[in-house]
PDB file of all heavy atoms in Angstrom:
ATOM      1  N   LEU A   1    -187.418-123.627 130.745  1.00  0.00           N
ATOM      2  CA  LEU A   1    -188.612-124.532 131.051  1.00  0.00           C
ATOM      3  C   LEU A   1    -188.638-125.741 130.248  1.00  0.00           C
ATOM      4  O   LEU A   1    -189.131-126.831 130.701  1.00  0.00           O
ATOM      5  CB  LEU A   1    -189.889-123.732 130.914  1.00  0.00           C
ATOM      6  CG  LEU A   1    -190.118-122.546 131.937  1.00  0.00           C
ATOM      7  CD1 LEU A   1    -191.427-121.794 131.508  1.00  0.00           C
ATOM      8  CD2 LEU A   1    -190.258-123.149 133.324  1.00  0.00           C
ATOM      9  N   SER A   2    -188.109-125.692 128.949  1.00  0.00           N
ATOM     10  CA  SER A   2    -188.331-126.853 128.046  1.00  0.00           C
ATOM     11  C   SER A   2    -187.048-127.474 127.734  1.00  0.00           C
ATOM     12  O   SER A   2    -187.009-128.757 127.415  1.00  0.00           O
ATOM     13  CB  SER A   2    -189.071-126.417 126.750  1.00  0.00           C
ATOM     14  OG  SER A   2    -188.105-125.513 126.015  1.00  0.00           O
ATOM     15  N   GLY A   3    -185.913-126.745 127.742  1.00  0.00           N
ATOM     16  CA  GLY A   3    -184.649-127.321 127.309  1.00  0.00           C
ATOM     17  C   GLY A   3    -184.628-127.720 125.792  1.00  0.00           C
ATOM     18  O   GLY A   3    -183.744-128.398 125.335  1.00  0.00           O
ATOM     19  N   SER A   4    -185.518-127.144 125.031  1.00  0.00           N
ATOM     20  CA  SER A   4    -185.654-127.449 123.599  1.00  0.00           C
ATOM     21  C   SER A   4    -185.502-126.314 122.722  1.00  0.00           C
ATOM     22  O   SER A   4    -186.104-125.306 122.876  1.00  0.00           O
ATOM     23  CB  SER A   4    -186.956-128.104 123.366  1.00  0.00           C
ATOM     24  OG  SER A   4    -187.274-128.278 121.997  1.00  0.00           O
ATOM     25  N   THR A   5    -184.599-126.477 121.698  1.00  0.00           N
ATOM     26  CA  THR A   5    -184.474-125.395 120.731  1.00  0.00           C
ATOM     27  C   THR A   5    -185.817-125.395 119.823  1.00  0.00           C
ATOM     28  O   THR A   5    -186.029-124.326 119.154  1.00  0.00           O
ATOM     29  CB  THR A   5    -183.311-125.637 119.823  1.00  0.00           C
ATOM     30  OG1 THR A   5    -183.371-126.982 119.123  1.00  0.00           O
ATOM     31  CG2 THR A   5    -182.024-125.506 120.581  1.00  0.00           C
ATOM     32  N   LEU A   6    -186.461-126.473 119.692  1.00  0.00           N
ATOM     33  CA  LEU A   6    -187.680-126.439 118.999  1.00  0.00           C
ATOM     34  C   LEU A   6    -188.730-125.510 119.581  1.00  0.00           C
ATOM     35  O   LEU A   6    -189.387-124.777 118.886  1.00  0.00           O
ATOM     36  CB  LEU A   6    -188.191-127.944 118.889  1.00  0.00           C
ATOM     37  CG  LEU A   6    -189.469-128.064 117.950  1.00  0.00           C
ATOM     38  CD1 LEU A   6    -189.148-127.744 116.530  1.00  0.00           C
ATOM     39  CD2 LEU A   6    -189.926-129.547 118.044  1.00  0.00           C
ATOM     40  N   VAL A   7    -188.828-125.538 120.973  1.00  0.00           N
ATOM     41  CA  VAL A   7    -189.821-124.635 121.625  1.00  0.00           C
ATOM     42  C   VAL A   7    -189.376-123.270 121.518  1.00  0.00           C
ATOM     43  O   VAL A   7    -190.231-122.341 121.230  1.00  0.00           O
ATOM     44  CB  VAL A   7    -189.849-125.087 123.115  1.00  0.00           C
ATOM     45  CG1 VAL A   7    -190.675-124.043 123.922  1.00  0.00           C
ATOM     46  CG2 VAL A   7    -190.558-126.439 123.252  1.00  0.00           C
ATOM     47  N   THR A   8    -188.054-122.888 121.742  1.00  0.00           N
ATOM     48  CA  THR A   8    -187.635-121.524 121.579  1.00  0.00           C
ATOM     49  C   THR A   8    -187.764-120.995 120.190  1.00  0.00           C
ATOM     50  O   THR A   8    -188.113-119.911 119.980  1.00  0.00           O
ATOM     51  CB  THR A   8    -186.188-121.376 122.004  1.00  0.00           C
ATOM     52  OG1 THR A   8    -185.305-122.228 121.307  1.00  0.00           O
ATOM     53  CG2 THR A   8    -186.025-121.729 123.488  1.00  0.00           C
ATOM     54  N   GLY A   9    -187.499-121.900 119.215  1.00  0.00           N
ATOM     55  CA  GLY A   9    -187.701-121.451 117.794  1.00  0.00           C
ATOM     56  C   GLY A   9    -189.113-121.159 117.481  1.00  0.00           C
ATOM     57  O   GLY A   9    -189.459-120.176 116.785  1.00  0.00           O
ATOM     58  N   ALA A  10    -190.058-121.997 117.971  1.00  0.00           N
ATOM     59  CA  ALA A  10    -191.500-121.797 117.780  1.00  0.00           C
ATOM     60  C   ALA A  10    -192.056-120.412 118.427  1.00  0.00           C
ATOM     61  O   ALA A  10    -192.758-119.677 117.917  1.00  0.00           O
ATOM     62  CB  ALA A  10    -192.304-122.924 118.280  1.00  0.00           C
ATOM     63  N   LEU A  11    -191.481-120.184 119.676  1.00  0.00           N
ATOM     64  CA  LEU A  11    -191.977-118.965 120.388  1.00  0.00           C
ATOM     65  C   LEU A  11    -191.273-117.796 119.658  1.00  0.00           C
ATOM     66  O   LEU A  11    -192.009-116.696 119.535  1.00  0.00           O
ATOM     67  CB  LEU A  11    -191.471-118.998 121.838  1.00  0.00           C
ATOM     68  CG  LEU A  11    -191.811-117.798 122.658  1.00  0.00           C
ATOM     69  CD1 LEU A  11    -193.299-117.750 122.826  1.00  0.00           C
ATOM     70  CD2 LEU A  11    -191.165-117.945 124.055  1.00  0.00           C
ATOM     71  N   ASN A  12    -190.050-117.844 119.265  1.00  0.00           N
ATOM     72  CA  ASN A  12    -189.453-116.752 118.597  1.00  0.00           C
ATOM     73  C   ASN A  12    -190.098-116.465 117.233  1.00  0.00           C
ATOM     74  O   ASN A  12    -190.152-115.355 116.850  1.00  0.00           O
ATOM     75  CB  ASN A  12    -187.863-116.992 118.377  1.00  0.00           C
ATOM     76  CG  ASN A  12    -187.185-115.798 118.026  1.00  0.00           C
ATOM     77  OD1 ASN A  12    -187.231-114.761 118.634  1.00  0.00           O
ATOM     78  ND2 ASN A  12    -186.414-115.802 116.971  1.00  0.00           N
ATOM     79  N   SER A  13    -190.581-117.454 116.521  1.00  0.00           N
ATOM     80  CA  SER A  13    -191.248-117.290 115.274  1.00  0.00           C
ATOM     81  C   SER A  13    -192.496-116.436 115.528  1.00  0.00           C
ATOM     82  O   SER A  13    -192.907-115.613 114.657  1.00  0.00           O
ATOM     83  CB  SER A  13    -191.562-118.620 114.667  1.00  0.00           C
ATOM     84  OG  SER A  13    -192.632-119.290 115.381  1.00  0.00           O
ATOM     85  N   ILE A  14    -193.270-116.612 116.616  1.00  0.00           N
ATOM     86  CA  ILE A  14    -194.411-115.759 116.913  1.00  0.00           C
ATOM     87  C   ILE A  14    -193.996-114.395 117.137  1.00  0.00           C
ATOM     88  O   ILE A  14    -194.708-113.408 116.646  1.00  0.00           O
ATOM     89  CB  ILE A  14    -195.168-116.360 118.122  1.00  0.00           C
ATOM     90  CG1 ILE A  14    -195.681-117.709 117.880  1.00  0.00           C
ATOM     91  CG2 ILE A  14    -196.307-115.393 118.546  1.00  0.00           C
ATOM     92  CD1 ILE A  14    -196.320-118.450 118.998  1.00  0.00           C
ATOM     93  N   LEU A  15    -192.981-114.100 117.957  1.00  0.00           N
ATOM     94  CA  LEU A  15    -192.464-112.795 118.262  1.00  0.00           C
ATOM     95  C   LEU A  15    -192.062-112.039 116.956  1.00  0.00           C
ATOM     96  O   LEU A  15    -192.047-110.850 116.883  1.00  0.00           O
ATOM     97  CB  LEU A  15    -191.351-112.765 119.303  1.00  0.00           C
ATOM     98  CG  LEU A  15    -191.780-113.237 120.654  1.00  0.00           C
ATOM     99  CD1 LEU A  15    -190.570-113.426 121.654  1.00  0.00           C
ATOM    100  CD2 LEU A  15    -192.817-112.382 121.311  1.00  0.00           C
ATOM    101  N   LEU A  16    -191.650-112.738 115.957  1.00  0.00           N
ATOM    102  CA  LEU A  16    -191.148-112.235 114.688  1.00  0.00           C
ATOM    103  C   LEU A  16    -192.258-112.019 113.680  1.00  0.00           C
ATOM    104  O   LEU A  16    -192.002-111.563 112.619  1.00  0.00           O
ATOM    105  CB  LEU A  16    -190.014-113.091 114.166  1.00  0.00           C
ATOM    106  CG  LEU A  16    -188.683-113.116 114.909  1.00  0.00           C
ATOM    107  CD1 LEU A  16    -187.787-114.272 114.308  1.00  0.00           C
ATOM    108  CD2 LEU A  16    -188.024-111.801 114.954  1.00  0.00           C
ATOM    109  N   LEU A  17    -193.448-112.495 114.038  1.00  0.00           N
ATOM    110  CA  LEU A  17    -194.488-112.330 112.978  1.00  0.00           C
ATOM    111  C   LEU A  17    -194.815-111.012 112.480  1.00  0.00           C
ATOM    112  O   LEU A  17    -195.321-110.891 111.312  1.00  0.00           O
ATOM    113  CB  LEU A  17    -195.834-113.059 113.546  1.00  0.00           C
ATOM    114  CG  LEU A  17    -195.924-114.679 113.454  1.00  0.00           C
ATOM    115  CD1 LEU A  17    -197.144-115.127 114.025  1.00  0.00           C
ATOM    116  CD2 LEU A  17    -195.794-115.039 111.964  1.00  0.00           C
ATOM    117  N   PRO A  18    -194.580-109.896 113.252  1.00  0.00           N
ATOM    118  CA  PRO A  18    -194.849-108.587 112.658  1.00  0.00           C
ATOM    119  C   PRO A  18    -194.091-108.379 111.297  1.00  0.00           C
ATOM    120  O   PRO A  18    -194.609-107.653 110.391  1.00  0.00           O
ATOM    121  CB  PRO A  18    -194.253-107.662 113.738  1.00  0.00           C
ATOM    122  CG  PRO A  18    -194.425-108.363 114.966  1.00  0.00           C
ATOM    123  CD  PRO A  18    -194.206-109.821 114.692  1.00  0.00           C
ATOM    124  N   TRP A  19    -192.963-109.046 111.093  1.00  0.00           N
ATOM    125  CA  TRP A  19    -192.282-108.957 109.782  1.00  0.00           C
ATOM    126  C   TRP A  19    -193.168-109.570 108.643  1.00  0.00           C
ATOM    127  O   TRP A  19    -193.151-109.067 107.547  1.00  0.00           O
ATOM    128  CB  TRP A  19    -190.981-109.680 109.836  1.00  0.00           C
ATOM    129  CG  TRP A  19    -189.856-109.023 110.602  1.00  0.00           C
ATOM    130  CD1 TRP A  19    -189.756-109.268 112.020  1.00  0.00           C
ATOM    131  CD2 TRP A  19    -189.081-107.975 110.240  1.00  0.00           C
ATOM    132  NE1 TRP A  19    -188.693-108.446 112.450  1.00  0.00           N
ATOM    133  CE2 TRP A  19    -188.222-107.688 111.379  1.00  0.00           C
ATOM    134  CE3 TRP A  19    -188.747-107.474 108.993  1.00  0.00           C
ATOM    135  CZ2 TRP A  19    -187.265-106.712 111.263  1.00  0.00           C
ATOM    136  CZ3 TRP A  19    -187.704-106.469 108.878  1.00  0.00           C
ATOM    137  CH2 TRP A  19    -186.966-106.149 110.031  1.00  0.00           C
ATOM    138  N   LEU A  20    -193.929-110.615 109.079  1.00  0.00           N
ATOM    139  CA  LEU A  20    -194.693-111.260 108.053  1.00  0.00           C
ATOM    140  C   LEU A  20    -196.081-110.522 107.799  1.00  0.00           C
ATOM    141  O   LEU A  20    -196.532-110.418 106.726  1.00  0.00           O
ATOM    142  CB  LEU A  20    -195.090-112.718 108.503  1.00  0.00           C
ATOM    143  CG  LEU A  20    -196.079-113.536 107.643  1.00  0.00           C
ATOM    144  CD1 LEU A  20    -195.533-113.738 106.281  1.00  0.00           C
ATOM    145  CD2 LEU A  20    -196.262-114.848 108.327  1.00  0.00           C
ATOM    146  N   LEU A  21    -196.666-110.005 108.820  1.00  0.00           N
ATOM    147  CA  LEU A  21    -198.069-109.410 108.832  1.00  0.00           C
ATOM    148  C   LEU A  21    -198.102-107.940 108.616  1.00  0.00           C
ATOM    149  O   LEU A  21    -199.176-107.377 108.537  1.00  0.00           O
ATOM    150  CB  LEU A  21    -198.630-109.818 110.114  1.00  0.00           C
ATOM    151  CG  LEU A  21    -198.808-111.292 110.433  1.00  0.00           C
ATOM    152  CD1 LEU A  21    -199.575-111.388 111.799  1.00  0.00           C
ATOM    153  CD2 LEU A  21    -199.671-112.008 109.404  1.00  0.00           C
ATOM    154  N   GLN A  22    -196.942-107.242 108.523  1.00  0.00           N
ATOM    155  CA  GLN A  22    -196.893-105.805 108.456  1.00  0.00           C
ATOM    156  C   GLN A  22    -197.530-105.268 107.177  1.00  0.00           C
ATOM    157  O   GLN A  22    -197.843-104.152 107.118  1.00  0.00           O
ATOM    158  CB  GLN A  22    -195.586-105.198 108.738  1.00  0.00           C
ATOM    159  CG  GLN A  22    -194.519-105.571 107.863  1.00  0.00           C
ATOM    160  CD  GLN A  22    -193.169-105.010 108.133  1.00  0.00           C
ATOM    161  OE1 GLN A  22    -193.001-103.755 107.947  1.00  0.00           O
ATOM    162  NE2 GLN A  22    -192.311-105.647 108.791  1.00  0.00           N
ATOM    163  N   VAL A  23    -197.538-106.146 106.179  1.00  0.00           N
ATOM    164  CA  VAL A  23    -198.247-105.682 104.924  1.00  0.00           C
ATOM    165  C   VAL A  23    -199.661-105.281 105.121  1.00  0.00           C
ATOM    166  O   VAL A  23    -200.251-104.412 104.494  1.00  0.00           O
ATOM    167  CB  VAL A  23    -198.092-106.790 103.828  1.00  0.00           C
ATOM    168  CG1 VAL A  23    -198.965-108.043 104.204  1.00  0.00           C
ATOM    169  CG2 VAL A  23    -198.540-106.354 102.483  1.00  0.00           C
ATOM    170  N   PHE A  24    -200.364-105.963 106.104  1.00  0.00           N
ATOM    171  CA  PHE A  24    -201.716-105.665 106.434  1.00  0.00           C
ATOM    172  C   PHE A  24    -201.764-104.383 107.235  1.00  0.00           C
ATOM    173  O   PHE A  24    -202.871-103.794 107.376  1.00  0.00           O
ATOM    174  CB  PHE A  24    -202.264-106.846 107.146  1.00  0.00           C
ATOM    175  CG  PHE A  24    -202.249-108.152 106.381  1.00  0.00           C
ATOM    176  CD1 PHE A  24    -201.508-109.166 106.620  1.00  0.00           C
ATOM    177  CD2 PHE A  24    -203.118-108.198 105.204  1.00  0.00           C
ATOM    178  CE1 PHE A  24    -201.503-110.283 105.960  1.00  0.00           C
ATOM    179  CE2 PHE A  24    -203.017-109.429 104.514  1.00  0.00           C
ATOM    180  CZ  PHE A  24    -202.271-110.481 104.836  1.00  0.00           C
ATOM    181  N   ALA A  25    -200.627-104.006 107.897  1.00  0.00           N
ATOM    182  CA  ALA A  25    -200.652-102.775 108.659  1.00  0.00           C
ATOM    183  C   ALA A  25    -200.461-101.454 107.841  1.00  0.00           C
ATOM    184  O   ALA A  25    -200.777-100.392 108.236  1.00  0.00           O
ATOM    185  CB  ALA A  25    -199.609-102.931 109.812  1.00  0.00           C
ATOM    186  N   GLY A  26    -199.644-101.803 106.690  1.00  0.00           N
ATOM    187  CA  GLY A  26    -199.372-100.558 105.881  1.00  0.00           C
ATOM    188  C   GLY A  26    -200.591 -99.621 105.578  1.00  0.00           C
ATOM    189  O   GLY A  26    -200.476 -98.359 105.761  1.00  0.00           O
ATOM    190  N   PRO A  27    -201.679-100.132 105.015  1.00  0.00           N
ATOM    191  CA  PRO A  27    -202.742 -99.275 104.743  1.00  0.00           C
ATOM    192  C   PRO A  27    -203.298 -98.526 105.970  1.00  0.00           C
ATOM    193  O   PRO A  27    -203.789 -97.467 105.923  1.00  0.00           O
ATOM    194  CB  PRO A  27    -203.891-100.166 104.170  1.00  0.00           C
ATOM    195  CG  PRO A  27    -203.103-101.394 103.638  1.00  0.00           C
ATOM    196  CD  PRO A  27    -201.837-101.450 104.526  1.00  0.00           C
ATOM    197  N   LEU A  28    -203.360 -99.188 107.072  1.00  0.00           N
ATOM    198  CA  LEU A  28    -203.747 -98.509 108.328  1.00  0.00           C
ATOM    199  C   LEU A  28    -202.849 -97.418 108.686  1.00  0.00           C
ATOM    200  O   LEU A  28    -203.247 -96.345 109.115  1.00  0.00           O
ATOM    201  CB  LEU A  28    -203.879 -99.601 109.436  1.00  0.00           C
ATOM    202  CG  LEU A  28    -204.891-100.735 109.271  1.00  0.00           C
ATOM    203  CD1 LEU A  28    -204.815-101.700 110.435  1.00  0.00           C
ATOM    204  CD2 LEU A  28    -206.236-100.175 109.015  1.00  0.00           C
ATOM    205  N   ILE A  29    -201.549 -97.640 108.483  1.00  0.00           N
ATOM    206  CA  ILE A  29    -200.503 -96.622 108.926  1.00  0.00           C
ATOM    207  C   ILE A  29    -200.773 -95.389 108.113  1.00  0.00           C
ATOM    208  O   ILE A  29    -200.649 -94.200 108.490  1.00  0.00           O
ATOM    209  CB  ILE A  29    -199.131 -97.147 108.764  1.00  0.00           C
ATOM    210  CG1 ILE A  29    -198.831 -98.221 109.749  1.00  0.00           C
ATOM    211  CG2 ILE A  29    -198.184 -96.055 108.792  1.00  0.00           C
ATOM    212  CD1 ILE A  29    -198.905 -97.671 111.141  1.00  0.00           C
ATOM    213  N   ASP A  30    -201.046 -95.605 106.727  1.00  0.00           N
ATOM    214  CA  ASP A  30    -201.330 -94.444 105.882  1.00  0.00           C
ATOM    215  C   ASP A  30    -202.526 -93.673 106.093  1.00  0.00           C
ATOM    216  O   ASP A  30    -202.678 -92.480 105.606  1.00  0.00           O
ATOM    217  CB  ASP A  30    -201.171 -94.954 104.475  1.00  0.00           C
ATOM    218  CG  ASP A  30    -199.787 -95.332 103.993  1.00  0.00           C
ATOM    219  OD1 ASP A  30    -198.831 -94.683 104.476  1.00  0.00           O
ATOM    220  OD2 ASP A  30    -199.615 -96.173 103.138  1.00  0.00           O
ATOM    221  N   ARG A  31    -203.528 -94.241 106.810  1.00  0.00           N
ATOM    222  CA  ARG A  31    -204.783 -93.658 106.937  1.00  0.00           C
ATOM    223  C   ARG A  31    -205.280 -93.282 108.268  1.00  0.00           C
ATOM    224  O   ARG A  31    -206.007 -92.400 108.525  1.00  0.00           O
ATOM    225  CB  ARG A  31    -205.852 -94.499 106.173  1.00  0.00           C
ATOM    226  CG  ARG A  31    -205.640 -94.534 104.691  1.00  0.00           C
ATOM    227  CD  ARG A  31    -206.726 -95.494 104.003  1.00  0.00           C
ATOM    228  NE  ARG A  31    -206.448 -95.408 102.577  1.00  0.00           N
ATOM    229  CZ  ARG A  31    -207.002 -94.581 101.736  1.00  0.00           C
ATOM    230  NH1 ARG A  31    -207.788 -93.589 102.253  1.00  0.00           N
ATOM    231  NH2 ARG A  31    -206.835 -94.638 100.481  1.00  0.00           N
TER     232      ARG A  31
END
């Protein structure tokens, strides 16, 4: 749709955010 690596990079960074945010999921997983 865009023909841009900048757009695909931005979208992929959102899909990869669980790697960044999982520290907040850790306590929930344990409890």
